[in-house]
C-alpha atoms as a PDB file:
ATOM      1  CA  VAL A   1       8.196  -4.877  11.886  1.00  0.00           C
ATOM      2  CA  GLN A   2       6.426  -1.510  11.643  1.00  0.00           C
ATOM      3  CA  LEU A   3       3.706  -0.974   9.066  1.00  0.00           C
ATOM      4  CA  GLN A   4       2.363   2.186   7.437  1.00  0.00           C
ATOM      5  CA  ALA A   5      -0.808   1.961   5.362  1.00  0.00           C
ATOM      6  CA  SER A   6      -1.855   4.554   2.807  1.00  0.00           C
ATOM      7  CA  GLY A   7      -4.024   5.064  -0.259  1.00  0.00           C
ATOM      8  CA  GLY A   8      -7.503   5.322   1.199  1.00  0.00           C
ATOM      9  CA  GLY A   9     -10.011   7.912   0.098  1.00  0.00           C
ATOM     10  CA  LEU A  10     -13.455   8.609  -1.296  1.00  0.00           C
ATOM     11  CA  VAL A  11     -14.481   6.759  -4.445  1.00  0.00           C
ATOM     12  CA  HIS A  12     -17.741   6.296  -6.334  1.00  0.00           C
ATOM     13  CA  PRO A  13     -19.358   2.874  -6.585  1.00  0.00           C
ATOM     14  CA  GLY A  14     -17.698   0.910  -9.357  1.00  0.00           C
ATOM     15  CA  GLY A  15     -14.446   2.799  -8.933  1.00  0.00           C
ATOM     16  CA  SER A  16     -10.977   1.606  -7.954  1.00  0.00           C
ATOM     17  CA  LEU A  17      -8.373   2.311  -5.304  1.00  0.00           C
ATOM     18  CA  ARG A  18      -4.979   0.862  -4.527  1.00  0.00           C
ATOM     19  CA  LEU A  19      -3.871   0.623  -0.917  1.00  0.00           C
ATOM     20  CA  SER A  20      -0.211   0.352   0.024  1.00  0.00           C
ATOM     21  CA  CYS A  21       1.434  -0.863   3.194  1.00  0.00           C
ATOM     22  CA  ALA A  22       5.116  -0.108   3.677  1.00  0.00           C
ATOM     23  CA  ALA A  23       7.138  -2.131   6.164  1.00  0.00           C
ATOM     24  CA  SER A  24      10.213  -1.082   8.084  1.00  0.00           C
ATOM     25  CA  GLY A  25      12.350  -2.311  10.914  1.00  0.00           C
ATOM     26  CA  GLY A  26      12.251  -5.996  10.100  1.00  0.00           C
ATOM     27  CA  THR A  27      12.942  -8.623   7.464  1.00  0.00           C
ATOM     28  CA  PHE A  28       9.929  -8.260   5.206  1.00  0.00           C
ATOM     29  CA  THR A  29      10.463 -11.585   3.475  1.00  0.00           C
ATOM     30  CA  ASN A  30       9.998 -13.402   6.791  1.00  0.00           C
ATOM     31  CA  TYR A  31       6.351 -12.350   6.973  1.00  0.00           C
ATOM     32  CA  ALA A  32       3.065 -13.228   5.440  1.00  0.00           C
ATOM     33  CA  MET A  33       0.959 -10.116   4.994  1.00  0.00           C
ATOM     34  CA  GLY A  34      -2.739  -9.504   5.302  1.00  0.00           C
ATOM     35  CA  TRP A  35      -5.385  -6.858   4.854  1.00  0.00           C
ATOM     36  CA  PHE A  36      -8.327  -6.587   7.219  1.00  0.00           C
ATOM     37  CA  ARG A  37     -11.136  -4.059   7.400  1.00  0.00           C
ATOM     38  CA  GLN A  38     -13.525  -2.747   9.998  1.00  0.00           C
ATOM     39  CA  ALA A  39     -16.752  -1.003   9.130  1.00  0.00           C
ATOM     40  CA  PRO A  40     -18.571   1.220  11.646  1.00  0.00           C
ATOM     41  CA  GLY A  41     -20.323  -0.900  14.259  1.00  0.00           C
ATOM     42  CA  LYS A  42     -18.871  -4.140  12.909  1.00  0.00           C
ATOM     43  CA  GLU A  43     -16.021  -6.437  13.863  1.00  0.00           C
ATOM     44  CA  ARG A  44     -12.739  -6.479  12.028  1.00  0.00           C
ATOM     45  CA  GLU A  45     -12.806  -8.944   9.140  1.00  0.00           C
ATOM     46  CA  PHE A  46     -10.246 -10.593   6.910  1.00  0.00           C
ATOM     47  CA  VAL A  47     -10.009  -9.251   3.363  1.00  0.00           C
ATOM     48  CA  ALA A  48      -6.944 -10.790   1.724  1.00  0.00           C
ATOM     49  CA  GLY A  49      -3.589 -12.325   2.551  1.00  0.00           C
ATOM     50  CA  VAL A  50      -0.358 -13.259   0.804  1.00  0.00           C
ATOM     51  CA  THR A  51       2.238 -15.696   2.076  1.00  0.00           C
ATOM     52  CA  ARG A  52       6.023 -15.408   1.866  1.00  0.00           C
ATOM     53  CA  SER A  53       5.859 -17.574  -1.248  1.00  0.00           C
ATOM     54  CA  THR A  54       3.158 -15.289  -2.741  1.00  0.00           C
ATOM     55  CA  SER A  55       0.258 -17.690  -2.357  1.00  0.00           C
ATOM     56  CA  THR A  56      -2.909 -15.652  -1.879  1.00  0.00           C
ATOM     57  CA  LEU A  57      -6.196 -15.988  -0.043  1.00  0.00           C
ATOM     58  CA  TYR A  58      -9.324 -13.825  -0.280  1.00  0.00           C
ATOM     59  CA  ALA A  59     -12.575 -13.333   1.547  1.00  0.00           C
ATOM     60  CA  ASP A  60     -15.512 -14.474  -0.556  1.00  0.00           C
ATOM     61  CA  SER A  61     -16.938 -10.953  -0.512  1.00  0.00           C
ATOM     62  CA  VAL A  62     -13.958  -9.521  -2.416  1.00  0.00           C
ATOM     63  CA  LYS A  63     -12.873 -12.457  -4.560  1.00  0.00           C
ATOM     64  CA  GLY A  64     -12.592 -11.431  -8.198  1.00  0.00           C
ATOM     65  CA  ARG A  65     -12.596  -7.709  -7.330  1.00  0.00           C
ATOM     66  CA  PHE A  66      -9.567  -7.274  -5.066  1.00  0.00           C
ATOM     67  CA  THR A  67      -5.979  -8.345  -5.678  1.00  0.00           C
ATOM     68  CA  ILE A  68      -3.246  -8.544  -3.065  1.00  0.00           C
ATOM     69  CA  SER A  69       0.386  -8.452  -4.081  1.00  0.00           C
ATOM     70  CA  ARG A  70       3.777  -7.841  -2.522  1.00  0.00           C
ATOM     71  CA  ASP A  71       6.998  -6.235  -3.686  1.00  0.00           C
ATOM     72  CA  ASN A  72       9.782  -7.581  -1.504  1.00  0.00           C
ATOM     73  CA  ALA A  73      12.345  -5.155  -2.908  1.00  0.00           C
ATOM     74  CA  LYS A  74      10.164  -2.229  -1.787  1.00  0.00           C
ATOM     75  CA  LYS A  75       9.014  -3.968   1.400  1.00  0.00           C
ATOM     76  CA  THR A  76       5.470  -3.128   0.435  1.00  0.00           C
ATOM     77  CA  VAL A  77       2.194  -4.996   0.127  1.00  0.00           C
ATOM     78  CA  TYR A  78      -0.624  -3.703  -2.054  1.00  0.00           C
ATOM     79  CA  LEU A  79      -4.358  -4.169  -2.233  1.00  0.00           C
ATOM     80  CA  GLN A  80      -5.833  -3.317  -5.617  1.00  0.00           C
ATOM     81  CA  MET A  81      -9.562  -2.795  -5.193  1.00  0.00           C
ATOM     82  CA  ASN A  82     -11.791  -2.708  -8.262  1.00  0.00           C
ATOM     83  CA  SER A  83     -15.561  -2.573  -8.729  1.00  0.00           C
ATOM     84  CA  LEU A  84     -15.929  -1.041  -5.293  1.00  0.00           C
ATOM     85  CA  LYS A  85     -19.281  -1.198  -3.558  1.00  0.00           C
ATOM     86  CA  PRO A  86     -20.723   0.896  -0.730  1.00  0.00           C
ATOM     87  CA  GLU A  87     -20.397  -2.146   1.543  1.00  0.00           C
ATOM     88  CA  ASP A  88     -16.620  -1.997   1.051  1.00  0.00           C
ATOM     89  CA  THR A  89     -16.594   1.206   3.111  1.00  0.00           C
ATOM     90  CA  ALA A  90     -14.353   0.614   6.126  1.00  0.00           C
ATOM     91  CA  VAL A  91     -11.028   1.353   7.727  1.00  0.00           C
ATOM     92  CA  TYR A  92      -8.504  -0.967   6.129  1.00  0.00           C
ATOM     93  CA  PHE A  93      -5.577  -2.339   8.124  1.00  0.00           C
ATOM     94  CA  CYS A  94      -2.485  -4.157   6.974  1.00  0.00           C
ATOM     95  CA  ALA A  95      -0.804  -6.690   9.212  1.00  0.00           C
ATOM     96  CA  ALA A  96       2.199  -8.990   9.324  1.00  0.00           C
ATOM     97  CA  SER A  97       2.321 -12.606  10.433  1.00  0.00           C
ATOM     98  CA  ARG A  98       4.591 -15.634  10.420  1.00  0.00           C
ATOM     99  CA  VAL A  99       1.774 -18.108   9.695  1.00  0.00           C
ATOM    100  CA  VAL A 100       1.271 -20.195   6.609  1.00  0.00           C
ATOM    101  CA  LEU A 101      -1.636 -19.884   4.174  1.00  0.00           C
ATOM    102  CA  SER A 102      -4.186 -21.666   6.336  1.00  0.00           C
ATOM    103  CA  GLY A 103      -3.702 -19.176   9.164  1.00  0.00           C
ATOM    104  CA  LEU A 104      -4.098 -15.970   7.195  1.00  0.00           C
ATOM    105  CA  ARG A 105      -7.802 -15.456   7.933  1.00  0.00           C
ATOM    106  CA  THR A 106      -7.341 -15.237  11.706  1.00  0.00           C
ATOM    107  CA  SER A 107      -6.453 -11.817  13.071  1.00  0.00           C
ATOM    108  CA  ASP A 108      -4.944 -13.318  16.231  1.00  0.00           C
ATOM    109  CA  ASN A 109      -2.184 -14.810  14.058  1.00  0.00           C
ATOM    110  CA  TYR A 110      -0.862 -11.353  13.186  1.00  0.00           C
ATOM    111  CA  ASN A 111       1.607  -9.653  15.489  1.00  0.00           C
ATOM    112  CA  SER A 112       2.159  -6.311  13.762  1.00  0.00           C
ATOM    113  CA  TRP A 113      -0.531  -3.928  12.552  1.00  0.00           C
ATOM    114  CA  GLY A 114      -0.562  -0.700  10.595  1.00  0.00           C
ATOM    115  CA  GLN A 115      -2.604   2.313  11.653  1.00  0.00           C
ATOM    116  CA  GLY A 116      -5.464   1.918   9.170  1.00  0.00           C
ATOM    117  CA  THR A 117      -6.589   3.902   6.158  1.00  0.00           C
ATOM    118  CA  LEU A 118     -10.201   4.894   5.506  1.00  0.00           C
ATOM    119  CA  VAL A 119     -11.950   3.825   2.316  1.00  0.00           C
ATOM    120  CA  THR A 120     -15.330   5.395   1.623  1.00  0.00           C
ATOM    121  CA  VAL A 121     -17.422   4.202  -1.309  1.00  0.00           C
ATOM    122  CA  SER A 122     -20.288   6.577  -1.936  1.00  0.00           C
ATOM    123  CA  SER A 123     -22.027   8.421  -4.707  1.00  0.00           C
END
């Protein structure tokens, strides 16, 4: 499956953004989907994931502020980001995996990645 992420941009602290990741070339409903991010000089980290059955998992740092969802008809996964903080600044990547909920946090479990979209939170 091929993935195309979009929706990044510059936002003030406390603001909101919604990222989208459109899938093509595969059966979207066969995949769990995840969002990861990588800040300058840091390793890629798990942000949120959603299984085929729409169970969700979040990193502690974004719990209560970010919401992941999927629209199987549109073959798209979303990441709604509210109450953004400067430390949320990163390139955000979407990814597809065949793992169950317990495997969503591990980037090695994902076999397809989008190209990344930059989110900058700054005043």
